Amino acid sequence: MLFASAATGNSGNGGNFLIPNGTFVVELVIFLVVLGIIAKWILPPLQKVAETRRVRISTALQNAEATRAESQSLLAERDRVLIEARARPVSSSTTPIKALTWHSNTAQRGQEEYERLVGASRDEMQMRAAEPGRSSSGVSTHSWWPRPSAVLGSRVDLTGNRALIDEAIATATATSAGGD
């Protein structure tokens, strides 16, 4: 049914569908005009960009190939030098002597520094021992605790002042126990 109506339909040219009507010609002209505009003004800049990119890529590939060849030659040179160095005997006469000389020089400098520091410490201890209020070992005889004779006004005698000493110890013990 559908085909029958299409065959008998009015196409404007007496029923022959092979002959184009005016709409087709107008559409064809518009298509050709748009195709000409694209070919004249749009396509050349795109082709220019594509060509520039192609040239850039080919240059980068050539540079990469040259760099790869250079790196291969450098690797071969490195391998050759390593093989030569491994084949060459190490001079055993100079290396241990240099190491021993360096070690002995370092040990000698260390011993000299040790002796200097010990001497300086002895001198400082002797100077401190010579200061008034210090014992022969350099320890200060002055303390934060006052001397009993300064507090009591007389010399402390263990036998005569035993009760006073016991009382002072008990007071100090009670104070320290109560302070905790």
N, C-alpha and C. Protein backbone atom coordinates (compact mmCIF):
# COMPACT_ATOMS: atom_id res chain seq x y z
N MET A 1 0.79 -1.18 0.00
CA MET A 1 0.00 0.00 0.00
C MET A 1 0.84 1.25 0.00
N LEU A 2 1.83 1.18 0.77
CA LEU A 2 2.72 2.31 0.86
C LEU A 2 3.43 2.56 -0.45
N PHE A 3 3.85 1.48 -1.09
CA PHE A 3 4.53 1.64 -2.37
C PHE A 3 3.58 2.11 -3.46
N ALA A 4 2.40 1.72 -3.38
CA ALA A 4 1.42 2.11 -4.39
C ALA A 4 1.13 3.59 -4.31
N SER A 5 1.06 4.13 -3.09
CA SER A 5 0.79 5.56 -2.97
C SER A 5 2.00 6.37 -3.38
N ALA A 6 3.22 5.85 -3.16
CA ALA A 6 4.42 6.57 -3.56
C ALA A 6 4.54 6.57 -5.07
N ALA A 7 4.14 5.50 -5.72
CA ALA A 7 4.24 5.43 -7.16
C ALA A 7 3.21 6.29 -7.83
N THR A 8 2.06 6.43 -7.22
CA THR A 8 1.01 7.23 -7.82
C THR A 8 1.01 8.64 -7.29
N GLY A 9 1.92 8.96 -6.34
CA GLY A 9 1.92 10.29 -5.73
C GLY A 9 2.36 11.35 -6.71
N ASN A 10 2.01 12.57 -6.39
CA ASN A 10 2.29 13.71 -7.24
C ASN A 10 3.70 14.20 -6.93
N SER A 11 4.63 14.04 -7.86
CA SER A 11 6.00 14.49 -7.66
C SER A 11 6.24 15.80 -8.38
N GLY A 12 5.29 16.34 -9.06
CA GLY A 12 5.38 17.64 -9.70
C GLY A 12 5.92 17.58 -11.10
N ASN A 13 6.37 16.48 -11.58
CA ASN A 13 6.90 16.40 -12.93
C ASN A 13 6.20 15.30 -13.72
N GLY A 14 4.99 15.06 -13.40
CA GLY A 14 4.20 14.10 -14.16
C GLY A 14 4.39 12.69 -13.69
N GLY A 15 4.92 12.49 -12.50
CA GLY A 15 5.02 11.17 -11.94
C GLY A 15 6.34 10.48 -12.16
N ASN A 16 7.34 11.10 -12.79
CA ASN A 16 8.64 10.47 -12.99
C ASN A 16 9.55 10.89 -11.84
N PHE A 17 9.93 9.94 -10.98
CA PHE A 17 10.73 10.25 -9.80
C PHE A 17 12.22 10.34 -10.12
N LEU A 18 12.64 9.98 -11.31
CA LEU A 18 14.04 10.04 -11.68
C LEU A 18 14.47 11.46 -12.07
N ILE A 19 13.59 12.28 -12.41
CA ILE A 19 13.91 13.65 -12.79
C ILE A 19 13.81 14.51 -11.53
N PRO A 20 14.93 15.21 -11.16
CA PRO A 20 14.91 16.01 -9.92
C PRO A 20 14.03 17.24 -10.07
N ASN A 21 13.41 17.59 -8.96
CA ASN A 21 12.60 18.81 -8.97
C ASN A 21 13.45 19.98 -8.49
N GLY A 22 12.88 21.15 -8.29
CA GLY A 22 13.60 22.37 -7.95
C GLY A 22 14.23 22.35 -6.57
N THR A 23 13.64 21.67 -5.60
CA THR A 23 14.18 21.61 -4.25
C THR A 23 15.54 20.93 -4.23
N PHE A 24 15.66 19.88 -4.98
CA PHE A 24 16.91 19.15 -5.02
C PHE A 24 18.03 20.01 -5.60
N VAL A 25 17.73 20.77 -6.61
CA VAL A 25 18.74 21.63 -7.25
C VAL A 25 19.19 22.71 -6.27
N VAL A 26 18.27 23.30 -5.54
CA VAL A 26 18.61 24.35 -4.56
C VAL A 26 19.48 23.76 -3.45
N GLU A 27 19.15 22.58 -2.96
CA GLU A 27 19.94 21.93 -1.92
C GLU A 27 21.34 21.59 -2.42
N LEU A 28 21.45 21.19 -3.67
CA LEU A 28 22.74 20.86 -4.24
C LEU A 28 23.61 22.11 -4.37
N VAL A 29 23.03 23.22 -4.76
CA VAL A 29 23.77 24.48 -4.89
C VAL A 29 24.26 24.94 -3.52
N ILE A 30 23.40 24.87 -2.50
CA ILE A 30 23.79 25.29 -1.14
C ILE A 30 24.93 24.39 -0.63
N PHE A 31 24.83 23.09 -0.88
CA PHE A 31 25.88 22.16 -0.45
C PHE A 31 27.21 22.50 -1.11
N LEU A 32 27.19 22.80 -2.42
CA LEU A 32 28.43 23.13 -3.11
C LEU A 32 29.03 24.45 -2.62
N VAL A 33 28.18 25.43 -2.29
CA VAL A 33 28.66 26.71 -1.76
C VAL A 33 29.33 26.49 -0.40
N VAL A 34 28.68 25.72 0.49
CA VAL A 34 29.27 25.44 1.82
C VAL A 34 30.58 24.66 1.66
N LEU A 35 30.61 23.70 0.75
CA LEU A 35 31.83 22.94 0.51
C LEU A 35 32.95 23.85 0.00
N GLY A 36 32.64 24.80 -0.85
CA GLY A 36 33.63 25.76 -1.35
C GLY A 36 34.16 26.65 -0.24
N ILE A 37 33.27 27.11 0.66
CA ILE A 37 33.69 27.96 1.79
C ILE A 37 34.64 27.18 2.71
N ILE A 38 34.28 25.95 2.97
CA ILE A 38 35.13 25.12 3.84
C ILE A 38 36.50 24.91 3.19
N ALA A 39 36.50 24.61 1.87
CA ALA A 39 37.76 24.35 1.17
C ALA A 39 38.61 25.60 1.05
N LYS A 40 37.99 26.77 0.92
CA LYS A 40 38.73 28.02 0.69
C LYS A 40 39.25 28.63 1.99
N TRP A 41 38.44 28.68 3.07
CA TRP A 41 38.83 29.44 4.26
C TRP A 41 39.05 28.60 5.52
N ILE A 42 38.47 27.46 5.64
CA ILE A 42 38.59 26.68 6.88
C ILE A 42 39.67 25.62 6.77
N LEU A 43 39.76 24.92 5.69
CA LEU A 43 40.69 23.82 5.54
C LEU A 43 42.16 24.24 5.49
N PRO A 44 42.56 25.34 4.82
CA PRO A 44 43.99 25.70 4.76
C PRO A 44 44.64 25.94 6.13
N PRO A 45 43.99 26.68 7.06
CA PRO A 45 44.65 26.82 8.38
C PRO A 45 44.80 25.48 9.12
N LEU A 46 43.80 24.61 8.96
CA LEU A 46 43.90 23.30 9.61
C LEU A 46 45.03 22.47 9.02
N GLN A 47 45.19 22.54 7.69
CA GLN A 47 46.28 21.82 7.06
C GLN A 47 47.64 22.38 7.46
N LYS A 48 47.70 23.71 7.62
CA LYS A 48 48.95 24.34 8.02
C LYS A 48 49.35 23.88 9.43
N VAL A 49 48.42 23.84 10.36
CA VAL A 49 48.69 23.38 11.72
C VAL A 49 49.11 21.91 11.72
N ALA A 50 48.43 21.10 10.93
CA ALA A 50 48.76 19.68 10.85
C ALA A 50 50.17 19.48 10.28
N GLU A 51 50.54 20.25 9.28
CA GLU A 51 51.87 20.15 8.69
C GLU A 51 52.94 20.58 9.70
N THR A 52 52.68 21.67 10.42
CA THR A 52 53.62 22.14 11.44
C THR A 52 53.83 21.08 12.51
N ARG A 53 52.75 20.46 12.93
CA ARG A 53 52.84 19.41 13.94
C ARG A 53 53.61 18.20 13.40
N ARG A 54 53.37 17.84 12.16
CA ARG A 54 54.08 16.71 11.56
C ARG A 54 55.57 16.98 11.50
N VAL A 55 55.95 18.20 11.13
CA VAL A 55 57.37 18.56 11.06
C VAL A 55 57.99 18.53 12.46
N ARG A 56 57.27 19.04 13.44
CA ARG A 56 57.78 19.05 14.81
C ARG A 56 57.97 17.63 15.34
N ILE A 57 57.03 16.77 15.07
CA ILE A 57 57.13 15.38 15.53
C ILE A 57 58.28 14.67 14.84
N SER A 58 58.45 14.87 13.54
CA SER A 58 59.55 14.21 12.84
C SER A 58 60.90 14.72 13.34
N THR A 59 61.01 16.01 13.65
CA THR A 59 62.26 16.57 14.20
C THR A 59 62.54 15.97 15.58
N ALA A 60 61.50 15.87 16.40
CA ALA A 60 61.68 15.29 17.73
C ALA A 60 62.10 13.83 17.64
N LEU A 61 61.54 13.10 16.69
CA LEU A 61 61.93 11.70 16.51
C LEU A 61 63.38 11.58 16.05
N GLN A 62 63.80 12.47 15.15
CA GLN A 62 65.19 12.44 14.70
C GLN A 62 66.15 12.77 15.86
N ASN A 63 65.77 13.76 16.67
CA ASN A 63 66.59 14.11 17.84
C ASN A 63 66.65 12.95 18.83
N ALA A 64 65.53 12.30 19.03
CA ALA A 64 65.49 11.16 19.94
C ALA A 64 66.37 10.02 19.43
N GLU A 65 66.33 9.79 18.14
CA GLU A 65 67.15 8.73 17.56
C GLU A 65 68.64 9.07 17.69
N ALA A 66 69.00 10.34 17.46
CA ALA A 66 70.39 10.76 17.62
C ALA A 66 70.83 10.63 19.07
N THR A 67 69.97 11.01 20.00
CA THR A 67 70.29 10.90 21.42
C THR A 67 70.43 9.44 21.83
N ARG A 68 69.57 8.58 21.30
CA ARG A 68 69.66 7.15 21.61
C ARG A 68 70.98 6.57 21.10
N ALA A 69 71.36 6.96 19.89
CA ALA A 69 72.62 6.47 19.34
C ALA A 69 73.81 6.97 20.17
N GLU A 70 73.75 8.22 20.59
CA GLU A 70 74.82 8.77 21.42
C GLU A 70 74.88 8.05 22.77
N SER A 71 73.72 7.79 23.37
CA SER A 71 73.72 7.09 24.66
C SER A 71 74.25 5.67 24.50
N GLN A 72 73.94 5.02 23.38
CA GLN A 72 74.46 3.68 23.14
C GLN A 72 75.99 3.71 23.02
N SER A 73 76.50 4.72 22.33
CA SER A 73 77.96 4.82 22.20
C SER A 73 78.62 5.12 23.54
N LEU A 74 77.97 5.96 24.37
CA LEU A 74 78.52 6.26 25.69
C LEU A 74 78.48 5.03 26.60
N LEU A 75 77.42 4.24 26.51
CA LEU A 75 77.35 3.01 27.28
C LEU A 75 78.44 2.02 26.86
N ALA A 76 78.67 1.93 25.56
CA ALA A 76 79.73 1.05 25.07
C ALA A 76 81.09 1.54 25.57
N GLU A 77 81.31 2.85 25.55
CA GLU A 77 82.57 3.44 26.05
C GLU A 77 82.72 3.16 27.54
N ARG A 78 81.65 3.30 28.30
CA ARG A 78 81.69 3.03 29.73
C ARG A 78 82.04 1.57 30.00
N ASP A 79 81.40 0.68 29.27
CA ASP A 79 81.69 -0.74 29.43
C ASP A 79 83.15 -1.06 29.09
N ARG A 80 83.67 -0.43 28.04
CA ARG A 80 85.06 -0.64 27.65
C ARG A 80 86.00 -0.17 28.76
N VAL A 81 85.73 1.01 29.31
CA VAL A 81 86.57 1.55 30.38
C VAL A 81 86.50 0.67 31.62
N LEU A 82 85.31 0.18 31.95
CA LEU A 82 85.18 -0.70 33.11
C LEU A 82 85.96 -2.00 32.93
N ILE A 83 85.90 -2.56 31.73
CA ILE A 83 86.63 -3.79 31.46
C ILE A 83 88.13 -3.55 31.58
N GLU A 84 88.61 -2.41 31.05
CA GLU A 84 90.03 -2.08 31.16
C GLU A 84 90.43 -1.88 32.62
N ALA A 85 89.57 -1.20 33.39
CA ALA A 85 89.89 -0.94 34.79
C ALA A 85 89.91 -2.24 35.60
N ARG A 86 89.01 -3.14 35.29
CA ARG A 86 88.99 -4.41 36.01
C ARG A 86 90.19 -5.28 35.64
N ALA A 87 90.67 -5.15 34.41
CA ALA A 87 91.81 -5.95 33.97
C ALA A 87 93.12 -5.41 34.54
N ARG A 88 93.18 -4.13 34.83
CA ARG A 88 94.40 -3.51 35.33
C ARG A 88 94.59 -3.87 36.80
N PRO A 89 95.77 -4.30 37.22
CA PRO A 89 95.98 -4.65 38.63
C PRO A 89 96.06 -3.38 39.48
N VAL A 90 95.57 -3.50 40.70
CA VAL A 90 95.62 -2.38 41.63
C VAL A 90 97.01 -2.33 42.24
N SER A 91 97.56 -1.16 42.30
CA SER A 91 98.90 -1.01 42.86
C SER A 91 98.82 -1.25 44.36
N SER A 92 99.35 -2.36 44.81
CA SER A 92 99.26 -2.72 46.22
C SER A 92 100.34 -2.05 47.06
N SER A 93 101.30 -1.41 46.42
CA SER A 93 102.40 -0.83 47.19
C SER A 93 102.06 0.55 47.74
N THR A 94 101.25 1.33 47.05
CA THR A 94 101.01 2.70 47.51
C THR A 94 99.74 2.82 48.35
N THR A 95 98.73 2.07 48.06
CA THR A 95 97.47 2.24 48.75
C THR A 95 97.56 1.91 50.25
N PRO A 96 98.10 0.77 50.67
CA PRO A 96 98.19 0.50 52.10
C PRO A 96 99.12 1.46 52.82
N ILE A 97 100.19 1.89 52.16
CA ILE A 97 101.11 2.83 52.81
C ILE A 97 100.41 4.15 53.07
N LYS A 98 99.64 4.62 52.11
CA LYS A 98 98.90 5.86 52.32
C LYS A 98 97.90 5.71 53.45
N ALA A 99 97.21 4.56 53.51
CA ALA A 99 96.23 4.33 54.56
C ALA A 99 96.92 4.27 55.92
N LEU A 100 98.06 3.58 56.01
CA LEU A 100 98.78 3.50 57.28
C LEU A 100 99.31 4.86 57.71
N THR A 101 99.81 5.63 56.76
CA THR A 101 100.31 6.97 57.07
C THR A 101 99.18 7.84 57.59
N TRP A 102 98.06 7.78 56.93
CA TRP A 102 96.90 8.58 57.37
C TRP A 102 96.45 8.14 58.75
N HIS A 103 96.41 6.82 58.98
CA HIS A 103 95.97 6.30 60.27
C HIS A 103 96.94 6.72 61.38
N SER A 104 98.22 6.62 61.12
CA SER A 104 99.19 6.98 62.16
C SER A 104 99.16 8.48 62.43
N ASN A 105 98.99 9.28 61.40
CA ASN A 105 98.88 10.73 61.60
C ASN A 105 97.64 11.07 62.41
N THR A 106 96.55 10.41 62.11
CA THR A 106 95.31 10.66 62.84
C THR A 106 95.44 10.22 64.29
N ALA A 107 96.04 9.07 64.51
CA ALA A 107 96.24 8.59 65.88
C ALA A 107 97.14 9.52 66.65
N GLN A 108 98.19 10.03 66.01
CA GLN A 108 99.10 10.95 66.68
C GLN A 108 98.39 12.25 67.04
N ARG A 109 97.60 12.79 66.12
CA ARG A 109 96.85 14.01 66.42
C ARG A 109 95.85 13.78 67.55
N GLY A 110 95.20 12.61 67.56
CA GLY A 110 94.27 12.30 68.64
C GLY A 110 94.96 12.21 69.99
N GLN A 111 96.15 11.59 70.03
CA GLN A 111 96.90 11.48 71.29
C GLN A 111 97.32 12.86 71.77
N GLU A 112 97.76 13.72 70.85
CA GLU A 112 98.16 15.09 71.24
C GLU A 112 96.98 15.85 71.81
N GLU A 113 95.81 15.71 71.19
CA GLU A 113 94.62 16.40 71.69
C GLU A 113 94.23 15.87 73.07
N TYR A 114 94.35 14.55 73.26
CA TYR A 114 94.05 13.95 74.57
C TYR A 114 94.96 14.53 75.64
N GLU A 115 96.27 14.57 75.36
CA GLU A 115 97.22 15.08 76.33
C GLU A 115 96.97 16.55 76.63
N ARG A 116 96.61 17.32 75.63
CA ARG A 116 96.31 18.74 75.85
C ARG A 116 95.12 18.91 76.77
N LEU A 117 94.05 18.13 76.52
CA LEU A 117 92.85 18.24 77.36
C LEU A 117 93.09 17.78 78.79
N VAL A 118 93.86 16.70 78.97
CA VAL A 118 94.17 16.22 80.32
C VAL A 118 95.01 17.26 81.06
N GLY A 119 95.99 17.84 80.38
CA GLY A 119 96.82 18.87 81.00
C GLY A 119 96.01 20.10 81.40
N ALA A 120 95.11 20.51 80.53
CA ALA A 120 94.27 21.67 80.85
C ALA A 120 93.37 21.37 82.05
N SER A 121 92.86 20.14 82.13
CA SER A 121 92.01 19.76 83.27
C SER A 121 92.82 19.75 84.56
N ARG A 122 94.05 19.23 84.50
CA ARG A 122 94.90 19.22 85.72
C ARG A 122 95.19 20.65 86.17
N ASP A 123 95.52 21.52 85.21
CA ASP A 123 95.82 22.91 85.57
C ASP A 123 94.60 23.57 86.21
N GLU A 124 93.42 23.32 85.67
CA GLU A 124 92.21 23.93 86.22
C GLU A 124 91.92 23.39 87.62
N MET A 125 92.14 22.11 87.84
CA MET A 125 91.92 21.53 89.17
C MET A 125 92.90 22.11 90.18
N GLN A 126 94.16 22.31 89.78
CA GLN A 126 95.15 22.89 90.67
C GLN A 126 94.81 24.33 91.01
N MET A 127 94.32 25.09 90.03
CA MET A 127 93.94 26.48 90.28
C MET A 127 92.75 26.53 91.23
N ARG A 128 91.79 25.64 91.06
CA ARG A 128 90.61 25.63 91.94
C ARG A 128 90.99 25.19 93.35
N ALA A 129 91.92 24.27 93.46
CA ALA A 129 92.35 23.81 94.78
C ALA A 129 93.08 24.92 95.52
N ALA A 130 93.74 25.80 94.79
CA ALA A 130 94.48 26.90 95.41
C ALA A 130 93.56 28.03 95.84
N GLU A 131 92.32 28.07 95.38
CA GLU A 131 91.39 29.13 95.77
C GLU A 131 91.01 28.95 97.24
N PRO A 132 90.78 30.04 97.95
CA PRO A 132 90.36 29.91 99.36
C PRO A 132 88.95 29.31 99.43
N GLY A 133 88.70 28.49 100.44
CA GLY A 133 87.39 27.88 100.63
C GLY A 133 87.23 26.59 99.87
N ARG A 134 88.32 26.01 99.35
CA ARG A 134 88.24 24.75 98.62
C ARG A 134 89.18 23.74 99.28
N SER A 135 88.79 22.49 99.20
CA SER A 135 89.65 21.43 99.75
C SER A 135 90.74 21.10 98.74
N SER A 136 91.59 20.17 99.06
CA SER A 136 92.68 19.81 98.17
C SER A 136 92.17 19.11 96.91
N SER A 137 90.96 18.52 96.98
CA SER A 137 90.41 17.87 95.79
C SER A 137 89.71 18.86 94.88
N GLY A 138 89.60 20.11 95.27
CA GLY A 138 88.96 21.11 94.44
C GLY A 138 87.48 21.28 94.76
N VAL A 139 86.97 20.53 95.73
CA VAL A 139 85.56 20.62 96.09
C VAL A 139 85.40 21.77 97.06
N SER A 140 84.37 22.55 96.88
CA SER A 140 84.13 23.71 97.72
C SER A 140 83.77 23.26 99.14
N THR A 141 84.41 23.89 100.12
CA THR A 141 84.08 23.58 101.52
C THR A 141 82.94 24.45 101.99
N HIS A 142 82.63 25.49 101.25
CA HIS A 142 81.49 26.33 101.59
C HIS A 142 80.24 25.64 101.06
N SER A 143 79.23 25.59 101.86
CA SER A 143 77.99 25.00 101.40
C SER A 143 76.85 25.95 101.72
N TRP A 144 75.70 25.59 101.36
CA TRP A 144 74.55 26.43 101.63
C TRP A 144 74.16 26.32 103.11
N TRP A 145 74.62 25.25 103.76
CA TRP A 145 74.32 25.05 105.18
C TRP A 145 75.33 25.83 106.00
N PRO A 146 74.90 26.69 106.88
CA PRO A 146 75.87 27.48 107.66
C PRO A 146 76.62 26.59 108.66
N ARG A 147 77.82 27.04 109.00
CA ARG A 147 78.62 26.30 109.98
C ARG A 147 77.94 26.38 111.35
N PRO A 148 77.97 25.29 112.11
CA PRO A 148 77.31 25.32 113.43
C PRO A 148 77.91 26.35 114.37
N SER A 149 79.20 26.60 114.27
CA SER A 149 79.80 27.58 115.18
C SER A 149 79.31 28.97 114.87
N ALA A 150 78.96 29.24 113.60
CA ALA A 150 78.44 30.56 113.26
C ALA A 150 77.03 30.73 113.80
N VAL A 151 76.26 29.65 113.87
CA VAL A 151 74.89 29.73 114.36
C VAL A 151 74.86 29.78 115.88
N LEU A 152 75.63 28.90 116.49
CA LEU A 152 75.60 28.79 117.94
C LEU A 152 76.50 29.81 118.62
N GLY A 153 77.48 30.30 117.92
CA GLY A 153 78.40 31.27 118.51
C GLY A 153 79.58 30.61 119.19
N SER A 154 79.58 29.30 119.27
CA SER A 154 80.71 28.60 119.87
C SER A 154 80.94 27.31 119.10
N ARG A 155 82.04 26.67 119.39
CA ARG A 155 82.39 25.42 118.72
C ARG A 155 81.45 24.33 119.22
N VAL A 156 81.04 23.42 118.31
CA VAL A 156 80.12 22.35 118.67
C VAL A 156 80.94 21.16 119.17
N ASP A 157 80.55 20.68 120.32
CA ASP A 157 81.21 19.52 120.91
C ASP A 157 80.19 18.39 120.93
N LEU A 158 80.54 17.21 120.38
CA LEU A 158 79.60 16.10 120.27
C LEU A 158 79.13 15.61 121.64
N THR A 159 80.01 15.51 122.58
CA THR A 159 79.61 14.97 123.89
C THR A 159 78.83 15.98 124.69
N GLY A 160 79.24 17.21 124.65
CA GLY A 160 78.58 18.23 125.46
C GLY A 160 77.26 18.68 124.89
N ASN A 161 77.10 18.64 123.58
CA ASN A 161 75.88 19.16 122.94
C ASN A 161 75.06 18.05 122.29
N ARG A 162 75.12 16.84 122.81
CA ARG A 162 74.43 15.71 122.20
C ARG A 162 72.93 15.92 122.18
N ALA A 163 72.36 16.45 123.22
CA ALA A 163 70.91 16.69 123.29
C ALA A 163 70.50 17.71 122.25
N LEU A 164 71.30 18.73 122.06
CA LEU A 164 70.99 19.78 121.07
C LEU A 164 71.06 19.21 119.64
N ILE A 165 72.03 18.36 119.39
CA ILE A 165 72.18 17.75 118.06
C ILE A 165 70.99 16.84 117.78
N ASP A 166 70.61 16.02 118.77
CA ASP A 166 69.47 15.12 118.59
C ASP A 166 68.19 15.91 118.34
N GLU A 167 68.03 17.02 119.02
CA GLU A 167 66.84 17.86 118.83
C GLU A 167 66.83 18.47 117.43
N ALA A 168 67.96 18.89 116.93
CA ALA A 168 68.05 19.47 115.59
C ALA A 168 67.75 18.42 114.52
N ILE A 169 68.24 17.19 114.73
CA ILE A 169 67.96 16.11 113.78
C ILE A 169 66.49 15.78 113.79
N ALA A 170 65.88 15.70 114.95
CA ALA A 170 64.45 15.38 115.04
C ALA A 170 63.63 16.47 114.38
N THR A 171 63.98 17.72 114.58
CA THR A 171 63.25 18.82 113.96
C THR A 171 63.39 18.79 112.45
N ALA A 172 64.59 18.50 111.97
CA ALA A 172 64.83 18.43 110.50
C ALA A 172 64.06 17.26 109.90
N THR A 173 64.02 16.13 110.61
CA THR A 173 63.30 14.96 110.11
C THR A 173 61.80 15.24 110.08
N ALA A 174 61.29 15.86 111.13
CA ALA A 174 59.84 16.17 111.21
C ALA A 174 59.47 17.18 110.14
N THR A 175 60.33 18.14 109.89
CA THR A 175 60.05 19.16 108.88
C THR A 175 60.04 18.54 107.49
N SER A 176 61.02 17.67 107.23
CA SER A 176 61.06 17.04 105.90
C SER A 176 59.93 16.05 105.73
N ALA A 177 59.50 15.36 106.77
CA ALA A 177 58.38 14.42 106.67
C ALA A 177 57.07 15.18 106.53
N GLY A 178 56.94 16.30 107.18
CA GLY A 178 55.70 17.10 107.08
C GLY A 178 55.61 17.86 105.80
N GLY A 179 56.76 18.16 105.16
CA GLY A 179 56.76 18.91 103.90
C GLY A 179 56.38 18.06 102.72
N ASP A 180 56.48 16.73 102.84
CA ASP A 180 56.19 15.84 101.71
C ASP A 180 54.77 15.67 101.50
